[in-house]
Amino acid sequence: MATSEGFRDLRVYQLSFDLAMENFRLSKSFPQEERFSLTDQIRRSSRSVAANIAEGYRKKQYPKMFVSKLADADGEATETQVWIDFATNCGYFSPAQQARLKSDYEEVGRMLGGMNAHPEKFNH
C-alpha cells in the first residue's frame, strides 16, 4: 500500500520544487558579482514557492491560512519570474530558458489559483 507524503504528493509542489532546483543549477553560472544580489534573489524566491505550498498544506484545516500561504506562493512565483527576466536581460539565461521557465511558472500559478478557488478539496 502506497503511503501519502502529504504536500510532496501535490503536483504543484513537485513542479515548484523542480523549478527551484533548476534555478539553482542555472544560477551557478552567474558571475561572482551577482552572488549577493541576483543569484540570492532568484534562489530565495524560487525556493519560497515550494516552502509556502508545504507550509500552507500543513494548515489546510484552516482555509483562510491555507489560502493565504497559497497566495504567498503565487507571489513568490511571480517574483521569481521577474528575476528570470533580469537574468535573461543580463545575458545569464537564454531566451529559450526564459520562455520555458515562464511557461512552467504560469502553470504553477494556474494550479495555485485552482487550489485557492477550491480550498475545501484539500481538507480531507
Protein backbone atom coordinates (compact mmCIF):
# COMPACT_ATOMS: atom_id res chain seq x y z
CA MET A 1 0.00 0.00 0.00
CA ALA A 2 1.38 3.39 -1.03
CA THR A 3 1.91 5.90 1.73
CA SER A 4 0.85 9.50 1.42
CA GLU A 5 3.58 12.10 1.52
CA GLY A 6 1.15 14.97 2.08
CA PHE A 7 2.37 18.12 0.37
CA ARG A 8 5.01 16.14 -1.54
CA ASP A 9 2.18 14.38 -3.41
CA LEU A 10 0.93 17.69 -4.81
CA ARG A 11 1.85 18.19 -8.45
CA VAL A 12 2.21 21.94 -7.84
CA TYR A 13 4.73 21.27 -5.06
CA GLN A 14 6.68 18.84 -7.24
CA LEU A 15 6.81 21.32 -10.14
CA SER A 16 7.77 24.26 -7.93
CA PHE A 17 10.49 22.20 -6.22
CA ASP A 18 11.87 21.11 -9.61
CA LEU A 19 11.83 24.72 -10.81
CA ALA A 20 13.69 25.88 -7.70
CA MET A 21 16.35 23.25 -8.33
CA GLU A 22 16.59 24.28 -11.99
CA ASN A 23 17.02 27.91 -10.98
CA PHE A 24 19.72 26.82 -8.56
CA ARG A 25 21.58 24.90 -11.26
CA LEU A 26 21.25 27.65 -13.84
CA SER A 27 22.29 30.37 -11.39
CA LYS A 28 25.54 28.54 -10.62
CA SER A 29 26.93 30.07 -13.81
CA PHE A 30 26.06 33.66 -12.84
CA PRO A 31 29.09 35.93 -12.40
CA GLN A 32 30.60 36.25 -8.94
CA GLU A 33 29.43 39.88 -8.65
CA GLU A 34 25.83 38.63 -8.74
CA ARG A 35 26.33 36.31 -5.75
CA PHE A 36 24.73 38.61 -3.19
CA SER A 37 22.13 40.06 -5.49
CA LEU A 38 20.53 38.30 -8.43
CA THR A 39 21.79 34.81 -7.51
CA ASP A 40 20.46 35.06 -3.97
CA GLN A 41 17.18 36.64 -5.07
CA ILE A 42 16.30 34.05 -7.70
CA ARG A 43 17.23 31.18 -5.41
CA ARG A 44 15.35 32.58 -2.42
CA SER A 45 12.13 33.40 -4.24
CA SER A 46 12.03 30.15 -6.21
CA ARG A 47 12.58 28.07 -3.07
CA SER A 48 9.95 30.07 -1.25
CA VAL A 49 7.28 28.93 -3.72
CA ALA A 50 7.68 25.29 -2.67
CA ALA A 51 8.12 26.20 1.00
CA ASN A 52 4.90 28.23 1.08
CA ILE A 53 2.98 25.42 -0.60
CA ALA A 54 4.25 22.96 2.00
CA GLU A 55 3.51 25.30 4.89
CA GLY A 56 0.04 26.06 3.54
CA TYR A 57 -0.75 22.40 3.09
CA ARG A 58 0.02 21.76 6.74
CA LYS A 59 -2.54 24.45 7.61
CA LYS A 60 -5.21 23.17 5.23
CA GLN A 61 -7.68 22.59 8.07
CA TYR A 62 -7.74 26.40 8.42
CA PRO A 63 -9.00 27.56 4.99
CA LYS A 64 -8.03 31.22 5.42
CA MET A 65 -4.47 30.34 6.42
CA PHE A 66 -4.24 27.77 3.62
CA VAL A 67 -5.38 30.28 1.02
CA SER A 68 -3.05 32.95 2.43
CA LYS A 69 0.01 30.69 2.12
CA LEU A 70 -1.00 29.71 -1.42
CA ALA A 71 -1.28 33.41 -2.26
CA ASP A 72 2.22 33.90 -0.81
CA ALA A 73 3.48 31.04 -3.00
CA ASP A 74 1.90 32.65 -6.07
CA GLY A 75 3.51 35.97 -5.19
CA GLU A 76 6.92 34.32 -4.87
CA ALA A 77 6.40 32.58 -8.22
CA THR A 78 5.66 35.94 -9.80
CA GLU A 79 8.72 37.49 -8.15
CA THR A 80 10.85 34.64 -9.47
CA GLN A 81 9.65 35.43 -12.99
CA VAL A 82 10.90 39.00 -12.55
CA TRP A 83 14.35 37.71 -11.54
CA ILE A 84 14.28 35.37 -14.54
CA ASP A 85 13.59 38.39 -16.76
CA PHE A 86 16.55 40.21 -15.21
CA ALA A 87 18.78 37.16 -15.66
CA THR A 88 17.77 36.91 -19.30
CA ASN A 89 18.30 40.61 -19.98
CA CYS A 90 21.72 40.38 -18.31
CA GLY A 91 22.61 37.52 -20.66
CA TYR A 92 22.71 34.79 -18.00
CA PHE A 93 19.65 32.87 -19.29
CA SER A 94 18.85 32.26 -22.93
CA PRO A 95 15.50 33.41 -24.31
CA ALA A 96 14.58 29.72 -24.66
CA GLN A 97 15.32 29.09 -20.98
CA GLN A 98 13.30 32.17 -20.07
CA ALA A 99 10.32 31.04 -22.16
CA ARG A 100 10.35 27.53 -20.67
CA LEU A 101 10.65 28.80 -17.10
CA LYS A 102 7.93 31.40 -17.70
CA SER A 103 5.60 28.73 -19.04
CA ASP A 104 6.28 26.46 -16.07
CA TYR A 105 5.73 29.28 -13.56
CA GLU A 106 2.48 30.20 -15.29
CA GLU A 107 1.41 26.56 -14.82
CA VAL A 108 2.28 26.82 -11.13
CA GLY A 109 0.14 29.96 -10.96
CA ARG A 110 -2.81 28.21 -12.62
CA MET A 111 -2.57 25.30 -10.20
CA LEU A 112 -2.33 27.62 -7.19
CA GLY A 113 -5.31 29.58 -8.50
CA GLY A 114 -7.35 26.39 -8.70
CA MET A 115 -6.36 25.45 -5.17
CA ASN A 116 -7.26 28.93 -3.93
CA ALA A 117 -10.65 28.77 -5.62
CA HIS A 118 -11.47 25.39 -4.02
CA PRO A 119 -9.55 25.00 -0.75
CA GLU A 120 -12.19 22.59 0.55
CA LYS A 121 -10.90 19.91 -1.86
CA PHE A 122 -7.68 19.69 0.16
CA ASN A 123 -9.14 19.40 3.64
CA HIS A 124 -9.69 15.67 3.95
